[in-house]
Structure formats: structure tokens, C-alpha cells
Amino acid sequence: MDENTEIWRKYYNKAMSRKNSPRTEWAVQLNTSGLNVAVDCGCGTGSDIAYLAEQGYRVHGFDINPDAISICRKRFRHDALIEVSEASFEDFTYPTAGVIMANSSLFFAEPYVFNNAWRAITDSLAVGGVFGGDFMGVDDSWADGFRLATTPLTQTQVMDLFENFEIVRFHERNEEGSTSMGSIKHWHTYSVLAVKRGI
């Protein structure tokens, strides 16, 4: 077992007891698209999937990590409203959706596919639909030389992604803090909640 696999398994074991993100609840409340279809990008162990399904959404979750998908397939095996796939940002086939969540996952989109992946996300989001997610800033400890590929962005670059959106919440975090595994790092992130406008 390589180091990355072991680290992810420890992370997922801790994440199993995690509640859904409050941002996912806000996204559901803001969705005026009329579509009860959601995508959870980098779904992990499925806490946001579970919440979205409880709200009556048909949920498509994907993650590049096979351990995460194995957990979700077992967890949701009896729920016909949930479909999970082992996929990356660039090869997932996005359905037309009213809610798309990318909580702490777009950090790890490969830089050379980030723009295409973002285009696929925004093209599949219906007008009145909601995107919620996080982006890595350039001052983050993981922005350079991390064990996984990351796509760090400046604030201007993040804002430019939302040209056709109404941004409801934009929060920058730039501080020392602990990871979910308890180690200390410098966090620099941009968290966004935004509603897609008609063009």
C-alpha cells in the first residue's frame, strides 16, 4: 500500500462520522432551478450525498479514490436516488443539475484540466442552480510541492470563474490551522456559494 492510499484511508475513517456541510444546506435553500438533481464532486464518504438525498434530490456523487467509492456504494446500496462513480473531475459525465457541490475537492483538480473541468461543471448547472465549493489560494502550504497535484488560484482568478453567477457568499481563509488528521498547515482557501444567472 503506498503512502497516499494509507493517508486517504485514515482520512475516510475519520470522515465517516462527519455531518454534512452547512454550505450544502444553503445551496438547497437557494436552488430556484426547479431541478432536484445534485452532483457531489469529490464525494468522500458521502455525508453531503446523504443530506441531499434526504431532501428528495437524485444525487450523482463521484470521487477518484476507490476507497471512497467502495464506502459510498455500501452505504447507499439500497437508495435508488443515489448513483456513485469512480471518476475524476475531467472524465465525469455531469448531468444537468440544480445543485453542484465541490466541498474541499477542487483543490486537487489537475492544473492542466482545471479549466475544462470547471467549464463542464458550469455548463451542466441549470439557470437558478447553485454551486458551492472551495478553491485553493496561492499561499496555501499545499499550493506547491504537495504529494498530490493541486490547482492554486488568486482571488482574481476565482472571481473570474463566476462571471455568469450571483455570488451569495465569498469567504477567504488565510491562516495557520489543523487538518482533519490533526497536523498543522497554512490554509489559504476561497469558499464560494453562487447562483447561476441567465445569460
C-alpha atoms as a PDB file:
ATOM      1  CA  MET A   1       0.000   0.000   0.000  1.00  0.00           C
ATOM      2  CA  ASP A   2       1.511   3.361  -0.971  1.00  0.00           C
ATOM      3  CA  GLU A   3       1.670   6.392   1.341  1.00  0.00           C
ATOM      4  CA  ASN A   4      -1.190   8.269  -0.380  1.00  0.00           C
ATOM      5  CA  THR A   5      -3.547   5.281  -0.097  1.00  0.00           C
ATOM      6  CA  GLU A   6      -2.809   4.882   3.616  1.00  0.00           C
ATOM      7  CA  ILE A   7      -3.329   8.606   4.279  1.00  0.00           C
ATOM      8  CA  TRP A   8      -6.661   8.636   2.436  1.00  0.00           C
ATOM      9  CA  ARG A   9      -7.864   5.559   4.353  1.00  0.00           C
ATOM     10  CA  LYS A  10      -7.106   7.221   7.677  1.00  0.00           C
ATOM     11  CA  TYR A  11      -8.896  10.355   6.456  1.00  0.00           C
ATOM     12  CA  TYR A  12     -12.005   8.398   5.393  1.00  0.00           C
ATOM     13  CA  ASN A  13     -12.134   6.551   8.708  1.00  0.00           C
ATOM     14  CA  LYS A  14     -12.307   9.914  10.482  1.00  0.00           C
ATOM     15  CA  ALA A  15     -14.739  11.357   7.940  1.00  0.00           C
ATOM     16  CA  MET A  16     -17.323   8.585   8.367  1.00  0.00           C
ATOM     17  CA  SER A  17     -18.825  10.343  11.385  1.00  0.00           C
ATOM     18  CA  ARG A  18     -18.796  13.825   9.824  1.00  0.00           C
ATOM     19  CA  LYS A  19     -22.071  15.697   9.368  1.00  0.00           C
ATOM     20  CA  ASN A  20     -22.925  17.287   6.036  1.00  0.00           C
ATOM     21  CA  SER A  21     -21.577  20.752   5.245  1.00  0.00           C
ATOM     22  CA  PRO A  22     -23.824  23.696   6.195  1.00  0.00           C
ATOM     23  CA  ARG A  23     -22.987  25.093   2.746  1.00  0.00           C
ATOM     24  CA  THR A  24     -24.839  22.157   1.186  1.00  0.00           C
ATOM     25  CA  GLU A  25     -27.943  23.075   3.182  1.00  0.00           C
ATOM     26  CA  TRP A  26     -27.676  26.686   1.979  1.00  0.00           C
ATOM     27  CA  ALA A  27     -27.329  25.506  -1.610  1.00  0.00           C
ATOM     28  CA  VAL A  28     -30.561  23.536  -1.381  1.00  0.00           C
ATOM     29  CA  GLN A  29     -32.367  26.565   0.047  1.00  0.00           C
ATOM     30  CA  LEU A  30     -31.074  28.834  -2.738  1.00  0.00           C
ATOM     31  CA  ASN A  31     -31.817  26.498  -5.650  1.00  0.00           C
ATOM     32  CA  THR A  32     -34.570  28.026  -7.809  1.00  0.00           C
ATOM     33  CA  SER A  33     -33.834  25.980 -10.937  1.00  0.00           C
ATOM     34  CA  GLY A  34     -36.745  23.606 -10.389  1.00  0.00           C
ATOM     35  CA  LEU A  35     -34.324  20.669 -10.709  1.00  0.00           C
ATOM     36  CA  ASN A  36     -33.937  18.312  -7.753  1.00  0.00           C
ATOM     37  CA  VAL A  37     -30.753  16.843  -9.186  1.00  0.00           C
ATOM     38  CA  ALA A  38     -27.414  17.283  -7.433  1.00  0.00           C
ATOM     39  CA  VAL A  39     -23.775  16.432  -8.070  1.00  0.00           C
ATOM     40  CA  ASP A  40     -21.258  15.950  -5.263  1.00  0.00           C
ATOM     41  CA  CYS A  41     -17.745  16.369  -6.697  1.00  0.00           C
ATOM     42  CA  GLY A  42     -15.168  14.509  -4.628  1.00  0.00           C
ATOM     43  CA  CYS A  43     -17.899  12.949  -2.514  1.00  0.00           C
ATOM     44  CA  GLY A  44     -15.636  11.239   0.033  1.00  0.00           C
ATOM     45  CA  THR A  45     -17.628   9.093   2.437  1.00  0.00           C
ATOM     46  CA  GLY A  46     -20.954  10.619   1.385  1.00  0.00           C
ATOM     47  CA  SER A  47     -22.120  12.945   4.172  1.00  0.00           C
ATOM     48  CA  ASP A  48     -23.388  15.530   1.677  1.00  0.00           C
ATOM     49  CA  ILE A  49     -24.864  12.830  -0.558  1.00  0.00           C
ATOM     50  CA  ALA A  50     -26.917  11.570   2.384  1.00  0.00           C
ATOM     51  CA  TYR A  51     -28.251  15.049   3.164  1.00  0.00           C
ATOM     52  CA  LEU A  52     -29.145  15.808  -0.468  1.00  0.00           C
ATOM     53  CA  ALA A  53     -30.980  12.504  -0.845  1.00  0.00           C
ATOM     54  CA  GLU A  54     -32.927  13.231   2.351  1.00  0.00           C
ATOM     55  CA  GLN A  55     -34.098  16.459   0.686  1.00  0.00           C
ATOM     56  CA  GLY A  56     -35.511  14.466  -2.229  1.00  0.00           C
ATOM     57  CA  TYR A  57     -32.640  15.017  -4.647  1.00  0.00           C
ATOM     58  CA  ARG A  58     -31.397  12.499  -7.163  1.00  0.00           C
ATOM     59  CA  VAL A  59     -27.700  12.592  -6.313  1.00  0.00           C
ATOM     60  CA  HIS A  60     -24.707  11.787  -8.500  1.00  0.00           C
ATOM     61  CA  GLY A  61     -21.536  11.512  -6.449  1.00  0.00           C
ATOM     62  CA  PHE A  62     -18.048  10.860  -7.729  1.00  0.00           C
ATOM     63  CA  ASP A  63     -14.566  10.533  -6.322  1.00  0.00           C
ATOM     64  CA  ILE A  64     -11.244   9.491  -7.814  1.00  0.00           C
ATOM     65  CA  ASN A  65     -10.412   7.395  -4.766  1.00  0.00           C
ATOM     66  CA  PRO A  66     -11.657   3.776  -4.942  1.00  0.00           C
ATOM     67  CA  ASP A  67     -11.884   3.521  -1.135  1.00  0.00           C
ATOM     68  CA  ALA A  68     -14.351   6.430  -1.042  1.00  0.00           C
ATOM     69  CA  ILE A  69     -16.494   4.874  -3.756  1.00  0.00           C
ATOM     70  CA  SER A  70     -16.463   1.492  -2.039  1.00  0.00           C
ATOM     71  CA  ILE A  71     -17.681   3.124   1.187  1.00  0.00           C
ATOM     72  CA  CYS A  72     -20.446   5.057  -0.624  1.00  0.00           C
ATOM     73  CA  ARG A  73     -21.636   2.075  -2.647  1.00  0.00           C
ATOM     74  CA  LYS A  74     -22.004   0.055   0.534  1.00  0.00           C
ATOM     75  CA  ARG A  75     -23.550   2.950   2.458  1.00  0.00           C
ATOM     76  CA  PHE A  76     -26.144   3.800  -0.197  1.00  0.00           C
ATOM     77  CA  ARG A  77     -26.710   0.394  -1.792  1.00  0.00           C
ATOM     78  CA  HIS A  78     -30.436   0.450  -1.008  1.00  0.00           C
ATOM     79  CA  ASP A  79     -31.105   4.042  -2.165  1.00  0.00           C
ATOM     80  CA  ALA A  80     -32.330   4.257  -5.751  1.00  0.00           C
ATOM     81  CA  LEU A  81     -31.899   8.060  -5.784  1.00  0.00           C
ATOM     82  CA  ILE A  82     -28.115   7.825  -5.393  1.00  0.00           C
ATOM     83  CA  GLU A  83     -25.532   6.937  -8.014  1.00  0.00           C
ATOM     84  CA  VAL A  84     -21.809   6.960  -7.230  1.00  0.00           C
ATOM     85  CA  SER A  85     -18.947   6.700  -9.713  1.00  0.00           C
ATOM     86  CA  GLU A  86     -15.190   6.346  -9.512  1.00  0.00           C
ATOM     87  CA  ALA A  87     -14.159   9.282 -11.691  1.00  0.00           C
ATOM     88  CA  SER A  88     -12.044  12.430 -11.855  1.00  0.00           C
ATOM     89  CA  PHE A  89     -13.228  15.985 -12.471  1.00  0.00           C
ATOM     90  CA  GLU A  90     -12.308  15.793 -16.126  1.00  0.00           C
ATOM     91  CA  ASP A  91     -13.839  12.421 -17.036  1.00  0.00           C
ATOM     92  CA  PHE A  92     -17.088  12.502 -15.048  1.00  0.00           C
ATOM     93  CA  THR A  93     -20.191  12.963 -17.207  1.00  0.00           C
ATOM     94  CA  TYR A  94     -22.093  15.774 -15.477  1.00  0.00           C
ATOM     95  CA  PRO A  95     -25.899  15.603 -15.627  1.00  0.00           C
ATOM     96  CA  THR A  96     -27.948  18.787 -15.812  1.00  0.00           C
ATOM     97  CA  ALA A  97     -28.255  19.731 -12.146  1.00  0.00           C
ATOM     98  CA  GLY A  98     -29.792  22.228  -9.749  1.00  0.00           C
ATOM     99  CA  VAL A  99     -27.045  21.885  -7.145  1.00  0.00           C
ATOM    100  CA  ILE A 100     -23.343  21.133  -7.630  1.00  0.00           C
ATOM    101  CA  MET A 101     -21.128  20.831  -4.566  1.00  0.00           C
ATOM    102  CA  ALA A 102     -17.325  20.706  -4.534  1.00  0.00           C
ATOM    103  CA  ASN A 103     -16.514  20.973  -0.838  1.00  0.00           C
ATOM    104  CA  SER A 104     -12.719  20.844  -0.354  1.00  0.00           C
ATOM    105  CA  SER A 105     -12.262  18.844  -3.563  1.00  0.00           C
ATOM    106  CA  LEU A 106     -11.363  21.216  -6.415  1.00  0.00           C
ATOM    107  CA  PHE A 107      -8.072  21.778  -4.575  1.00  0.00           C
ATOM    108  CA  PHE A 108      -6.946  18.517  -6.144  1.00  0.00           C
ATOM    109  CA  ALA A 109      -8.070  19.043  -9.727  1.00  0.00           C
ATOM    110  CA  GLU A 110      -5.100  18.596 -12.073  1.00  0.00           C
ATOM    111  CA  PRO A 111      -3.942  22.079 -13.194  1.00  0.00           C
ATOM    112  CA  TYR A 112      -3.892  21.147 -16.884  1.00  0.00           C
ATOM    113  CA  VAL A 113      -7.553  20.035 -16.828  1.00  0.00           C
ATOM    114  CA  PHE A 114      -8.939  22.563 -14.342  1.00  0.00           C
ATOM    115  CA  ASN A 115     -10.418  24.957 -16.922  1.00  0.00           C
ATOM    116  CA  ASN A 116     -12.142  22.168 -18.858  1.00  0.00           C
ATOM    117  CA  ALA A 117     -13.453  20.631 -15.652  1.00  0.00           C
ATOM    118  CA  TRP A 118     -14.815  23.986 -14.485  1.00  0.00           C
ATOM    119  CA  ARG A 119     -16.485  24.534 -17.856  1.00  0.00           C
ATOM    120  CA  ALA A 120     -18.148  21.122 -17.599  1.00  0.00           C
ATOM    121  CA  ILE A 121     -19.415  21.959 -14.108  1.00  0.00           C
ATOM    122  CA  THR A 122     -20.843  25.343 -15.059  1.00  0.00           C
ATOM    123  CA  ASP A 123     -22.318  24.121 -18.354  1.00  0.00           C
ATOM    124  CA  SER A 124     -24.234  21.384 -16.554  1.00  0.00           C
ATOM    125  CA  LEU A 125     -25.633  23.680 -13.862  1.00  0.00           C
ATOM    126  CA  ALA A 126     -29.130  24.908 -14.718  1.00  0.00           C
ATOM    127  CA  VAL A 127     -30.030  28.601 -14.563  1.00  0.00           C
ATOM    128  CA  GLY A 128     -31.125  29.290 -10.983  1.00  0.00           C
ATOM    129  CA  GLY A 129     -28.994  26.385  -9.813  1.00  0.00           C
ATOM    130  CA  VAL A 130     -26.349  26.706  -7.119  1.00  0.00           C
ATOM    131  CA  PHE A 131     -22.641  25.957  -6.951  1.00  0.00           C
ATOM    132  CA  GLY A 132     -20.945  25.613  -3.588  1.00  0.00           C
ATOM    133  CA  GLY A 133     -17.301  24.795  -3.120  1.00  0.00           C
ATOM    134  CA  ASP A 134     -13.744  25.687  -2.198  1.00  0.00           C
ATOM    135  CA  PHE A 135     -10.683  26.752  -4.155  1.00  0.00           C
ATOM    136  CA  MET A 136      -7.054  26.705  -3.034  1.00  0.00           C
ATOM    137  CA  GLY A 137      -5.244  30.033  -2.727  1.00  0.00           C
ATOM    138  CA  VAL A 138      -1.639  30.594  -3.766  1.00  0.00           C
ATOM    139  CA  ASP A 139      -0.378  30.983  -0.168  1.00  0.00           C
ATOM    140  CA  ASP A 140      -1.608  27.556   0.941  1.00  0.00           C
ATOM    141  CA  SER A 141       1.030  25.105   2.223  1.00  0.00           C
ATOM    142  CA  TRP A 142      -0.180  22.591  -0.365  1.00  0.00           C
ATOM    143  CA  ALA A 143      -0.022  25.019  -3.287  1.00  0.00           C
ATOM    144  CA  ASP A 144       3.490  23.934  -4.254  1.00  0.00           C
ATOM    145  CA  GLY A 145       5.276  20.610  -3.829  1.00  0.00           C
ATOM    146  CA  PHE A 146       2.401  18.718  -2.197  1.00  0.00           C
ATOM    147  CA  ARG A 147       2.230  14.924  -2.623  1.00  0.00           C
ATOM    148  CA  LEU A 148      -0.820  15.379  -4.882  1.00  0.00           C
ATOM    149  CA  ALA A 149      -1.371  17.764  -7.792  1.00  0.00           C
ATOM    150  CA  THR A 150      -3.172  20.966  -6.778  1.00  0.00           C
ATOM    151  CA  THR A 151      -4.598  23.984  -8.606  1.00  0.00           C
ATOM    152  CA  PRO A 152      -3.912  27.146  -6.570  1.00  0.00           C
ATOM    153  CA  LEU A 153      -5.659  30.323  -7.732  1.00  0.00           C
ATOM    154  CA  THR A 154      -5.502  34.032  -6.952  1.00  0.00           C
ATOM    155  CA  GLN A 155      -8.605  35.828  -5.712  1.00  0.00           C
ATOM    156  CA  THR A 156      -8.991  37.484  -9.115  1.00  0.00           C
ATOM    157  CA  GLN A 157      -8.843  34.108 -10.855  1.00  0.00           C
ATOM    158  CA  VAL A 158     -11.528  32.716  -8.549  1.00  0.00           C
ATOM    159  CA  MET A 159     -13.788  35.723  -9.066  1.00  0.00           C
ATOM    160  CA  ASP A 160     -13.376  35.431 -12.840  1.00  0.00           C
ATOM    161  CA  LEU A 161     -14.810  31.895 -12.689  1.00  0.00           C
ATOM    162  CA  PHE A 162     -18.145  33.341 -11.547  1.00  0.00           C
ATOM    163  CA  GLU A 163     -18.777  35.852 -14.323  1.00  0.00           C
ATOM    164  CA  ASN A 164     -22.223  34.347 -15.017  1.00  0.00           C
ATOM    165  CA  PHE A 165     -23.167  33.889 -11.359  1.00  0.00           C
ATOM    166  CA  GLU A 166     -24.537  35.906  -8.489  1.00  0.00           C
ATOM    167  CA  ILE A 167     -22.137  35.298  -5.619  1.00  0.00           C
ATOM    168  CA  VAL A 168     -24.097  34.876  -2.392  1.00  0.00           C
ATOM    169  CA  ARG A 169     -21.131  34.173  -0.131  1.00  0.00           C
ATOM    170  CA  PHE A 170     -17.398  34.591  -0.667  1.00  0.00           C
ATOM    171  CA  HIS A 171     -15.003  33.845   2.192  1.00  0.00           C
ATOM    172  CA  GLU A 172     -11.214  33.878   2.189  1.00  0.00           C
ATOM    173  CA  ARG A 173      -9.321  31.914   4.813  1.00  0.00           C
ATOM    174  CA  ASN A 174      -5.610  32.709   5.190  1.00  0.00           C
ATOM    175  CA  GLU A 175      -4.257  31.356   8.468  1.00  0.00           C
ATOM    176  CA  GLU A 176      -2.483  28.547  10.269  1.00  0.00           C
ATOM    177  CA  GLY A 177      -4.766  25.692  11.212  1.00  0.00           C
ATOM    178  CA  SER A 178      -5.045  21.955  11.655  1.00  0.00           C
ATOM    179  CA  THR A 179      -6.022  19.389   9.042  1.00  0.00           C
ATOM    180  CA  SER A 180      -8.690  16.756   9.693  1.00  0.00           C
ATOM    181  CA  MET A 181      -5.835  14.421  10.631  1.00  0.00           C
ATOM    182  CA  GLY A 182      -4.538  16.851  13.272  1.00  0.00           C
ATOM    183  CA  SER A 183      -1.381  18.180  11.611  1.00  0.00           C
ATOM    184  CA  ILE A 184      -0.742  21.934  11.292  1.00  0.00           C
ATOM    185  CA  LYS A 185      -0.539  23.693   7.937  1.00  0.00           C
ATOM    186  CA  HIS A 186      -1.139  27.120   6.448  1.00  0.00           C
ATOM    187  CA  TRP A 187      -4.619  27.303   4.945  1.00  0.00           C
ATOM    188  CA  HIS A 188      -5.347  29.693   2.107  1.00  0.00           C
ATOM    189  CA  THR A 189      -8.747  28.971   0.592  1.00  0.00           C
ATOM    190  CA  TYR A 190     -11.655  30.711  -1.067  1.00  0.00           C
ATOM    191  CA  SER A 191     -15.111  29.365  -0.265  1.00  0.00           C
ATOM    192  CA  VAL A 192     -17.917  30.306  -2.639  1.00  0.00           C
ATOM    193  CA  LEU A 193     -21.677  29.906  -2.775  1.00  0.00           C
ATOM    194  CA  ALA A 194     -23.176  31.238  -6.010  1.00  0.00           C
ATOM    195  CA  VAL A 195     -26.347  31.089  -8.102  1.00  0.00           C
ATOM    196  CA  LYS A 196     -26.121  30.732 -11.875  1.00  0.00           C
ATOM    197  CA  ARG A 197     -27.734  33.594 -13.787  1.00  0.00           C
ATOM    198  CA  GLY A 198     -29.361  33.508 -17.173  1.00  0.00           C
ATOM    199  CA  ILE A 199     -27.045  34.850 -19.872  1.00  0.00           C
END
